[in-house]
Amino acid sequence: MGGVWVALVVAAFVFLLLLIFILQNGQRAQVSFLGAHGHLPMGVALLLAAVFGVLLVALPGTARIIQLRMLGRRRGTANEPQLPPPAGDPAGS
């Protein structure tokens, strides 16, 4: 429970810093993306760019991790040695 409390306090602090960042960077910025045009506060535009950058890195990385786990499971089941039954087990005698 203590770890959850620490994580909650850290998350609240990070959100406070993000709120301050957005409020201090309130000037308007023109944004164009795939034919869509609009105006956003500069802080929001920068945070959106950062989030999309993280997703751009995280999605292929997640796909690769899943691929490696599946490969590891396939190799693990094929090469797993058979363990002898425990010595006190009457079914193994």
PDB file of N, CA and C in Angstrom:
ATOM      1  N   MET A   1       0.825  -1.190   0.000  1.00  0.00           N
ATOM      2  CA  MET A   1       0.000   0.000   0.000  1.00  0.00           C
ATOM      3  C   MET A   1       0.874   1.261   0.000  1.00  0.00           C
ATOM      4  N   GLY A   2       2.039   1.188   0.610  1.00  0.00           N
ATOM      5  CA  GLY A   2       2.930   2.341   0.648  1.00  0.00           C
ATOM      6  C   GLY A   2       3.430   2.718  -0.727  1.00  0.00           C
ATOM      7  N   GLY A   3       3.672   1.703  -1.591  1.00  0.00           N
ATOM      8  CA  GLY A   3       4.124   1.971  -2.952  1.00  0.00           C
ATOM      9  C   GLY A   3       3.066   2.689  -3.772  1.00  0.00           C
ATOM     10  N   VAL A   4       1.806   2.331  -3.548  1.00  0.00           N
ATOM     11  CA  VAL A   4       0.708   2.989  -4.260  1.00  0.00           C
ATOM     12  C   VAL A   4       0.626   4.450  -3.832  1.00  0.00           C
ATOM     13  N   TRP A   5       0.808   4.694  -2.548  1.00  0.00           N
ATOM     14  CA  TRP A   5       0.749   6.073  -2.041  1.00  0.00           C
ATOM     15  C   TRP A   5       1.869   6.920  -2.637  1.00  0.00           C
ATOM     16  N   VAL A   6       3.066   6.380  -2.699  1.00  0.00           N
ATOM     17  CA  VAL A   6       4.204   7.117  -3.275  1.00  0.00           C
ATOM     18  C   VAL A   6       3.940   7.383  -4.757  1.00  0.00           C
ATOM     19  N   ALA A   7       3.445   6.386  -5.491  1.00  0.00           N
ATOM     20  CA  ALA A   7       3.141   6.560  -6.916  1.00  0.00           C
ATOM     21  C   ALA A   7       2.072   7.635  -7.112  1.00  0.00           C
ATOM     22  N   LEU A   8       1.082   7.668  -6.249  1.00  0.00           N
ATOM     23  CA  LEU A   8       0.020   8.671  -6.345  1.00  0.00           C
ATOM     24  C   LEU A   8       0.558  10.071  -6.104  1.00  0.00           C
ATOM     25  N   VAL A   9       1.428  10.236  -5.125  1.00  0.00           N
ATOM     26  CA  VAL A   9       2.011  11.550  -4.833  1.00  0.00           C
ATOM     27  C   VAL A   9       2.896  12.004  -5.994  1.00  0.00           C
ATOM     28  N   VAL A  10       3.711  11.092  -6.542  1.00  0.00           N
ATOM     29  CA  VAL A  10       4.576  11.441  -7.676  1.00  0.00           C
ATOM     30  C   VAL A  10       3.728  11.818  -8.889  1.00  0.00           C
ATOM     31  N   ALA A  11       2.661  11.063  -9.154  1.00  0.00           N
ATOM     32  CA  ALA A  11       1.782  11.370 -10.289  1.00  0.00           C
ATOM     33  C   ALA A  11       1.125  12.741 -10.104  1.00  0.00           C
ATOM     34  N   ALA A  12       0.675  13.051  -8.900  1.00  0.00           N
ATOM     35  CA  ALA A  12       0.063  14.358  -8.641  1.00  0.00           C
ATOM     36  C   ALA A  12       1.073  15.480  -8.873  1.00  0.00           C
ATOM     37  N   PHE A  13       2.309  15.277  -8.468  1.00  0.00           N
ATOM     38  CA  PHE A  13       3.363  16.280  -8.678  1.00  0.00           C
ATOM     39  C   PHE A  13       3.638  16.487 -10.164  1.00  0.00           C
ATOM     40  N   VAL A  14       3.702  15.391 -10.933  1.00  0.00           N
ATOM     41  CA  VAL A  14       3.932  15.492 -12.378  1.00  0.00           C
ATOM     42  C   VAL A  14       2.776  16.220 -13.047  1.00  0.00           C
ATOM     43  N   PHE A  15       1.547  15.901 -12.660  1.00  0.00           N
ATOM     44  CA  PHE A  15       0.394  16.592 -13.245  1.00  0.00           C
ATOM     45  C   PHE A  15       0.388  18.077 -12.888  1.00  0.00           C
ATOM     46  N   LEU A  16       0.831  18.418 -11.706  1.00  0.00           N
ATOM     47  CA  LEU A  16       0.941  19.823 -11.322  1.00  0.00           C
ATOM     48  C   LEU A  16       1.956  20.537 -12.206  1.00  0.00           C
ATOM     49  N   LEU A  17       3.104  19.907 -12.449  1.00  0.00           N
ATOM     50  CA  LEU A  17       4.114  20.498 -13.327  1.00  0.00           C
ATOM     51  C   LEU A  17       3.583  20.655 -14.754  1.00  0.00           C
ATOM     52  N   LEU A  18       2.834  19.660 -15.238  1.00  0.00           N
ATOM     53  CA  LEU A  18       2.248  19.768 -16.582  1.00  0.00           C
ATOM     54  C   LEU A  18       1.235  20.902 -16.661  1.00  0.00           C
ATOM     55  N   LEU A  19       0.432  21.057 -15.630  1.00  0.00           N
ATOM     56  CA  LEU A  19      -0.550  22.148 -15.599  1.00  0.00           C
ATOM     57  C   LEU A  19       0.156  23.504 -15.618  1.00  0.00           C
ATOM     58  N   ILE A  20       1.209  23.654 -14.851  1.00  0.00           N
ATOM     59  CA  ILE A  20       1.977  24.904 -14.849  1.00  0.00           C
ATOM     60  C   ILE A  20       2.576  25.154 -16.227  1.00  0.00           C
ATOM     61  N   PHE A  21       3.105  24.102 -16.862  1.00  0.00           N
ATOM     62  CA  PHE A  21       3.681  24.236 -18.198  1.00  0.00           C
ATOM     63  C   PHE A  21       2.641  24.724 -19.195  1.00  0.00           C
ATOM     64  N   ILE A  22       1.445  24.125 -19.168  1.00  0.00           N
ATOM     65  CA  ILE A  22       0.385  24.516 -20.102  1.00  0.00           C
ATOM     66  C   ILE A  22      -0.054  25.959 -19.853  1.00  0.00           C
ATOM     67  N   LEU A  23      -0.212  26.331 -18.593  1.00  0.00           N
ATOM     68  CA  LEU A  23      -0.665  27.687 -18.275  1.00  0.00           C
ATOM     69  C   LEU A  23       0.374  28.747 -18.638  1.00  0.00           C
ATOM     70  N   GLN A  24       1.653  28.431 -18.529  1.00  0.00           N
ATOM     71  CA  GLN A  24       2.689  29.403 -18.853  1.00  0.00           C
ATOM     72  C   GLN A  24       2.938  29.516 -20.355  1.00  0.00           C
ATOM     73  N   ASN A  25       2.508  28.523 -21.124  1.00  0.00           N
ATOM     74  CA  ASN A  25       2.707  28.546 -22.568  1.00  0.00           C
ATOM     75  C   ASN A  25       1.340  28.621 -23.265  1.00  0.00           C
ATOM     76  N   GLY A  26       0.618  29.679 -22.971  1.00  0.00           N
ATOM     77  CA  GLY A  26      -0.742  29.812 -23.465  1.00  0.00           C
ATOM     78  C   GLY A  26      -0.874  30.515 -24.805  1.00  0.00           C
ATOM     79  N   GLN A  27       0.218  31.049 -25.365  1.00  0.00           N
ATOM     80  CA  GLN A  27       0.096  31.725 -26.663  1.00  0.00           C
ATOM     81  C   GLN A  27      -0.350  30.727 -27.728  1.00  0.00           C
ATOM     82  N   ARG A  28      -1.072  31.207 -28.712  1.00  0.00           N
ATOM     83  CA  ARG A  28      -1.654  30.337 -29.742  1.00  0.00           C
ATOM     84  C   ARG A  28      -0.603  29.927 -30.765  1.00  0.00           C
ATOM     85  N   ALA A  29      -0.741  28.681 -31.223  1.00  0.00           N
ATOM     86  CA  ALA A  29       0.140  28.163 -32.269  1.00  0.00           C
ATOM     87  C   ALA A  29      -0.733  27.553 -33.355  1.00  0.00           C
ATOM     88  N   GLN A  30      -0.372  27.817 -34.603  1.00  0.00           N
ATOM     89  CA  GLN A  30      -1.105  27.218 -35.718  1.00  0.00           C
ATOM     90  C   GLN A  30      -0.565  25.803 -35.934  1.00  0.00           C
ATOM     91  N   VAL A  31      -1.479  24.844 -36.003  1.00  0.00           N
ATOM     92  CA  VAL A  31      -1.111  23.439 -36.154  1.00  0.00           C
ATOM     93  C   VAL A  31      -1.759  22.902 -37.414  1.00  0.00           C
ATOM     94  N   SER A  32      -0.966  22.232 -38.254  1.00  0.00           N
ATOM     95  CA  SER A  32      -1.470  21.556 -39.453  1.00  0.00           C
ATOM     96  C   SER A  32      -0.995  20.115 -39.404  1.00  0.00           C
ATOM     97  N   PHE A  33      -1.938  19.176 -39.588  1.00  0.00           N
ATOM     98  CA  PHE A  33      -1.587  17.763 -39.541  1.00  0.00           C
ATOM     99  C   PHE A  33      -2.504  16.997 -40.481  1.00  0.00           C
ATOM    100  N   LEU A  34      -1.928  16.385 -41.499  1.00  0.00           N
ATOM    101  CA  LEU A  34      -2.661  15.574 -42.476  1.00  0.00           C
ATOM    102  C   LEU A  34      -3.880  16.308 -43.045  1.00  0.00           C
ATOM    103  N   GLY A  35      -3.679  17.534 -43.402  1.00  0.00           N
ATOM    104  CA  GLY A  35      -4.759  18.310 -44.012  1.00  0.00           C
ATOM    105  C   GLY A  35      -5.659  19.023 -43.022  1.00  0.00           C
ATOM    106  N   ALA A  36      -5.568  18.714 -41.753  1.00  0.00           N
ATOM    107  CA  ALA A  36      -6.370  19.396 -40.727  1.00  0.00           C
ATOM    108  C   ALA A  36      -5.584  20.611 -40.228  1.00  0.00           C
ATOM    109  N   HIS A  37      -6.263  21.712 -40.084  1.00  0.00           N
ATOM    110  CA  HIS A  37      -5.634  22.944 -39.627  1.00  0.00           C
ATOM    111  C   HIS A  37      -6.384  23.457 -38.408  1.00  0.00           C
ATOM    112  N   GLY A  38      -5.651  24.023 -37.477  1.00  0.00           N
ATOM    113  CA  GLY A  38      -6.300  24.584 -36.301  1.00  0.00           C
ATOM    114  C   GLY A  38      -5.316  25.369 -35.472  1.00  0.00           C
ATOM    115  N   HIS A  39      -5.819  25.911 -34.374  1.00  0.00           N
ATOM    116  CA  HIS A  39      -5.011  26.690 -33.447  1.00  0.00           C
ATOM    117  C   HIS A  39      -5.133  26.063 -32.069  1.00  0.00           C
ATOM    118  N   LEU A  40      -3.999  25.879 -31.422  1.00  0.00           N
ATOM    119  CA  LEU A  40      -3.947  25.330 -30.074  1.00  0.00           C
ATOM    120  C   LEU A  40      -3.033  26.191 -29.218  1.00  0.00           C
ATOM    121  N   PRO A  41      -3.233  26.158 -27.909  1.00  0.00           N
ATOM    122  CA  PRO A  41      -2.231  26.787 -27.047  1.00  0.00           C
ATOM    123  C   PRO A  41      -0.887  26.076 -27.227  1.00  0.00           C
ATOM    124  N   MET A  42       0.197  26.819 -27.169  1.00  0.00           N
ATOM    125  CA  MET A  42       1.526  26.261 -27.413  1.00  0.00           C
ATOM    126  C   MET A  42       1.846  25.104 -26.474  1.00  0.00           C
ATOM    127  N   GLY A  43       1.501  25.221 -25.205  1.00  0.00           N
ATOM    128  CA  GLY A  43       1.769  24.154 -24.241  1.00  0.00           C
ATOM    129  C   GLY A  43       1.058  22.863 -24.604  1.00  0.00           C
ATOM    130  N   VAL A  44      -0.192  22.968 -25.023  1.00  0.00           N
ATOM    131  CA  VAL A  44      -0.963  21.784 -25.420  1.00  0.00           C
ATOM    132  C   VAL A  44      -0.359  21.170 -26.677  1.00  0.00           C
ATOM    133  N   ALA A  45       0.024  21.999 -27.635  1.00  0.00           N
ATOM    134  CA  ALA A  45       0.616  21.485 -28.870  1.00  0.00           C
ATOM    135  C   ALA A  45       1.922  20.743 -28.585  1.00  0.00           C
ATOM    136  N   LEU A  46       2.753  21.289 -27.691  1.00  0.00           N
ATOM    137  CA  LEU A  46       4.008  20.627 -27.350  1.00  0.00           C
ATOM    138  C   LEU A  46       3.776  19.315 -26.608  1.00  0.00           C
ATOM    139  N   LEU A  47       2.809  19.307 -25.699  1.00  0.00           N
ATOM    140  CA  LEU A  47       2.515  18.066 -24.979  1.00  0.00           C
ATOM    141  C   LEU A  47       1.946  17.002 -25.914  1.00  0.00           C
ATOM    142  N   LEU A  48       1.099  17.406 -26.851  1.00  0.00           N
ATOM    143  CA  LEU A  48       0.567  16.443 -27.821  1.00  0.00           C
ATOM    144  C   LEU A  48       1.684  15.874 -28.691  1.00  0.00           C
ATOM    145  N   ALA A  49       2.610  16.715 -29.094  1.00  0.00           N
ATOM    146  CA  ALA A  49       3.747  16.239 -29.886  1.00  0.00           C
ATOM    147  C   ALA A  49       4.581  15.245 -29.082  1.00  0.00           C
ATOM    148  N   ALA A  50       4.782  15.506 -27.804  1.00  0.00           N
ATOM    149  CA  ALA A  50       5.547  14.590 -26.953  1.00  0.00           C
ATOM    150  C   ALA A  50       4.823  13.260 -26.788  1.00  0.00           C
ATOM    151  N   VAL A  51       3.514  13.305 -26.591  1.00  0.00           N
ATOM    152  CA  VAL A  51       2.727  12.070 -26.439  1.00  0.00           C
ATOM    153  C   VAL A  51       2.775  11.248 -27.716  1.00  0.00           C
ATOM    154  N   PHE A  52       2.612  11.894 -28.862  1.00  0.00           N
ATOM    155  CA  PHE A  52       2.671  11.159 -30.128  1.00  0.00           C
ATOM    156  C   PHE A  52       4.073  10.583 -30.361  1.00  0.00           C
ATOM    157  N   GLY A  53       5.103  11.298 -29.940  1.00  0.00           N
ATOM    158  CA  GLY A  53       6.464  10.777 -30.058  1.00  0.00           C
ATOM    159  C   GLY A  53       6.677   9.544 -29.195  1.00  0.00           C
ATOM    160  N   VAL A  54       6.154   9.569 -27.979  1.00  0.00           N
ATOM    161  CA  VAL A  54       6.254   8.404 -27.096  1.00  0.00           C
ATOM    162  C   VAL A  54       5.517   7.219 -27.700  1.00  0.00           C
ATOM    163  N   LEU A  55       4.329   7.455 -28.234  1.00  0.00           N
ATOM    164  CA  LEU A  55       3.564   6.369 -28.860  1.00  0.00           C
ATOM    165  C   LEU A  55       4.288   5.819 -30.082  1.00  0.00           C
ATOM    166  N   LEU A  56       4.923   6.697 -30.828  1.00  0.00           N
ATOM    167  CA  LEU A  56       5.662   6.269 -32.012  1.00  0.00           C
ATOM    168  C   LEU A  56       6.798   5.315 -31.645  1.00  0.00           C
ATOM    169  N   VAL A  57       7.389   5.507 -30.475  1.00  0.00           N
ATOM    170  CA  VAL A  57       8.460   4.622 -30.020  1.00  0.00           C
ATOM    171  C   VAL A  57       7.885   3.398 -29.296  1.00  0.00           C
ATOM    172  N   ALA A  58       6.834   3.590 -28.509  1.00  0.00           N
ATOM    173  CA  ALA A  58       6.312   2.514 -27.661  1.00  0.00           C
ATOM    174  C   ALA A  58       5.587   1.430 -28.446  1.00  0.00           C
ATOM    175  N   LEU A  59       4.854   1.778 -29.484  1.00  0.00           N
ATOM    176  CA  LEU A  59       4.084   0.762 -30.210  1.00  0.00           C
ATOM    177  C   LEU A  59       4.962  -0.270 -30.892  1.00  0.00           C
ATOM    178  N   PRO A  60       5.970   0.110 -31.672  1.00  0.00           N
ATOM    179  CA  PRO A  60       6.840  -0.922 -32.251  1.00  0.00           C
ATOM    180  C   PRO A  60       7.628  -1.687 -31.178  1.00  0.00           C
ATOM    181  N   GLY A  61       8.023  -1.002 -30.114  1.00  0.00           N
ATOM    182  CA  GLY A  61       8.735  -1.677 -29.034  1.00  0.00           C
ATOM    183  C   GLY A  61       7.873  -2.728 -28.356  1.00  0.00           C
ATOM    184  N   THR A  62       6.602  -2.394 -28.122  1.00  0.00           N
ATOM    185  CA  THR A  62       5.673  -3.348 -27.520  1.00  0.00           C
ATOM    186  C   THR A  62       5.458  -4.538 -28.431  1.00  0.00           C
ATOM    187  N   ALA A  63       5.310  -4.278 -29.728  1.00  0.00           N
ATOM    188  CA  ALA A  63       5.130  -5.376 -30.681  1.00  0.00           C
ATOM    189  C   ALA A  63       6.348  -6.297 -30.676  1.00  0.00           C
ATOM    190  N   ARG A  64       7.541  -5.737 -30.582  1.00  0.00           N
ATOM    191  CA  ARG A  64       8.757  -6.554 -30.563  1.00  0.00           C
ATOM    192  C   ARG A  64       8.861  -7.368 -29.276  1.00  0.00           C
ATOM    193  N   ILE A  65       8.487  -6.789 -28.147  1.00  0.00           N
ATOM    194  CA  ILE A  65       8.517  -7.515 -26.882  1.00  0.00           C
ATOM    195  C   ILE A  65       7.553  -8.690 -26.924  1.00  0.00           C
ATOM    196  N   ILE A  66       6.355  -8.466 -27.452  1.00  0.00           N
ATOM    197  CA  ILE A  66       5.371  -9.559 -27.571  1.00  0.00           C
ATOM    198  C   ILE A  66       5.916 -10.649 -28.484  1.00  0.00           C
ATOM    199  N   GLN A  67       6.524 -10.253 -29.588  1.00  0.00           N
ATOM    200  CA  GLN A  67       7.095 -11.225 -30.524  1.00  0.00           C
ATOM    201  C   GLN A  67       8.184 -12.058 -29.841  1.00  0.00           C
ATOM    202  N   LEU A  68       9.051 -11.439 -29.075  1.00  0.00           N
ATOM    203  CA  LEU A  68      10.118 -12.164 -28.391  1.00  0.00           C
ATOM    204  C   LEU A  68       9.573 -13.079 -27.292  1.00  0.00           C
ATOM    205  N   ARG A  69       8.535 -12.654 -26.599  1.00  0.00           N
ATOM    206  CA  ARG A  69       7.925 -13.514 -25.575  1.00  0.00           C
ATOM    207  C   ARG A  69       7.306 -14.754 -26.197  1.00  0.00           C
ATOM    208  N   MET A  70       6.616 -14.578 -27.320  1.00  0.00           N
ATOM    209  CA  MET A  70       6.017 -15.730 -27.995  1.00  0.00           C
ATOM    210  C   MET A  70       7.100 -16.700 -28.457  1.00  0.00           C
ATOM    211  N   LEU A  71       8.197 -16.167 -28.987  1.00  0.00           N
ATOM    212  CA  LEU A  71       9.303 -17.005 -29.430  1.00  0.00           C
ATOM    213  C   LEU A  71       9.928 -17.737 -28.243  1.00  0.00           C
ATOM    214  N   GLY A  72      10.074 -17.043 -27.126  1.00  0.00           N
ATOM    215  CA  GLY A  72      10.620 -17.661 -25.922  1.00  0.00           C
ATOM    216  C   GLY A  72       9.735 -18.768 -25.384  1.00  0.00           C
ATOM    217  N   ARG A  73       8.432 -18.577 -25.426  1.00  0.00           N
ATOM    218  CA  ARG A  73       7.507 -19.627 -24.962  1.00  0.00           C
ATOM    219  C   ARG A  73       7.596 -20.850 -25.856  1.00  0.00           C
ATOM    220  N   ARG A  74       7.667 -20.628 -27.174  1.00  0.00           N
ATOM    221  CA  ARG A  74       7.768 -21.758 -28.099  1.00  0.00           C
ATOM    222  C   ARG A  74       9.054 -22.534 -27.859  1.00  0.00           C
ATOM    223  N   ARG A  75      10.134 -21.840 -27.699  1.00  0.00           N
ATOM    224  CA  ARG A  75      11.417 -22.503 -27.465  1.00  0.00           C
ATOM    225  C   ARG A  75      11.469 -23.134 -26.080  1.00  0.00           C
ATOM    226  N   GLY A  76      10.856 -22.501 -25.105  1.00  0.00           N
ATOM    227  CA  GLY A  76      10.867 -23.018 -23.733  1.00  0.00           C
ATOM    228  C   GLY A  76      10.101 -24.320 -23.600  1.00  0.00           C
ATOM    229  N   THR A  77       8.976 -24.470 -24.278  1.00  0.00           N
ATOM    230  CA  THR A  77       8.197 -25.696 -24.167  1.00  0.00           C
ATOM    231  C   THR A  77       8.840 -26.824 -24.943  1.00  0.00           C
ATOM    232  N   ALA A  78       9.538 -26.542 -26.022  1.00  0.00           N
ATOM    233  CA  ALA A  78      10.155 -27.594 -26.824  1.00  0.00           C
ATOM    234  C   ALA A  78      11.431 -28.115 -26.161  1.00  0.00           C
ATOM    235  N   ASN A  79      12.157 -27.297 -25.427  1.00  0.00           N
ATOM    236  CA  ASN A  79      13.440 -27.689 -24.856  1.00  0.00           C
ATOM    237  C   ASN A  79      13.379 -27.961 -23.363  1.00  0.00           C
ATOM    238  N   GLU A  80      12.190 -27.930 -22.766  1.00  0.00           N
ATOM    239  CA  GLU A  80      12.072 -28.130 -21.334  1.00  0.00           C
ATOM    240  C   GLU A  80      12.387 -29.568 -20.963  1.00  0.00           C
ATOM    241  N   PRO A  81      13.331 -29.794 -20.051  1.00  0.00           N
ATOM    242  CA  PRO A  81      13.625 -31.177 -19.641  1.00  0.00           C
ATOM    243  C   PRO A  81      12.504 -31.714 -18.755  1.00  0.00           C
ATOM    244  N   GLN A  82      12.258 -33.005 -18.843  1.00  0.00           N
ATOM    245  CA  GLN A  82      11.251 -33.648 -18.015  1.00  0.00           C
ATOM    246  C   GLN A  82      11.846 -33.920 -16.637  1.00  0.00           C
ATOM    247  N   LEU A  83      11.213 -33.410 -15.596  1.00  0.00           N
ATOM    248  CA  LEU A  83      11.704 -33.608 -14.241  1.00  0.00           C
ATOM    249  C   LEU A  83      11.174 -34.928 -13.701  1.00  0.00           C
ATOM    250  N   PRO A  84      11.995 -35.648 -12.943  1.00  0.00           N
ATOM    251  CA  PRO A  84      11.493 -36.886 -12.333  1.00  0.00           C
ATOM    252  C   PRO A  84      10.481 -36.554 -11.260  1.00  0.00           C
ATOM    253  N   PRO A  85       9.546 -37.472 -10.970  1.00  0.00           N
ATOM    254  CA  PRO A  85       8.560 -37.202  -9.925  1.00  0.00           C
ATOM    255  C   PRO A  85       9.237 -37.123  -8.552  1.00  0.00           C
ATOM    256  N   PRO A  86       8.639 -36.420  -7.597  1.00  0.00           N
ATOM    257  CA  PRO A  86       9.215 -36.318  -6.257  1.00  0.00           C
ATOM    258  C   PRO A  86       9.378 -37.710  -5.623  1.00  0.00           C
ATOM    259  N   ALA A  87      10.364 -37.865  -4.742  1.00  0.00           N
ATOM    260  CA  ALA A  87      10.685 -39.161  -4.148  1.00  0.00           C
ATOM    261  C   ALA A  87       9.546 -39.676  -3.275  1.00  0.00           C
ATOM    262  N   GLY A  88       8.793 -38.816  -2.635  1.00  0.00           N
ATOM    263  CA  GLY A  88       7.709 -39.257  -1.737  1.00  0.00           C
ATOM    264  C   GLY A  88       6.400 -39.491  -2.449  1.00  0.00           C
ATOM    265  N   ASP A  89       6.350 -39.362  -3.768  1.00  0.00           N
ATOM    266  CA  ASP A  89       5.120 -39.501  -4.543  1.00  0.00           C
ATOM    267  C   ASP A  89       4.847 -40.971  -4.851  1.00  0.00           C
ATOM    268  N   PRO A  90       3.746 -41.576  -4.314  1.00  0.00           N
ATOM    269  CA  PRO A  90       3.479 -42.991  -4.590  1.00  0.00           C
ATOM    270  C   PRO A  90       3.120 -43.250  -6.052  1.00  0.00           C
ATOM    271  N   ALA A  91       2.613 -42.241  -6.756  1.00  0.00           N
ATOM    272  CA  ALA A  91       2.245 -42.450  -8.165  1.00  0.00           C
ATOM    273  C   ALA A  91       3.472 -42.598  -9.039  1.00  0.00           C
ATOM    274  N   GLY A  92       4.593 -42.055  -8.608  1.00  0.00           N
ATOM    275  CA  GLY A  92       5.806 -42.139  -9.389  1.00  0.00           C
ATOM    276  C   GLY A  92       6.562 -43.437  -9.192  1.00  0.00           C
ATOM    277  N   SER A  93       6.201 -44.255  -8.207  1.00  0.00           N
ATOM    278  CA  SER A  93       6.939 -45.495  -7.936  1.00  0.00           C
ATOM    279  C   SER A  93       6.441 -46.647  -8.760  1.00  0.00           C
TER     280      SER A  93
END
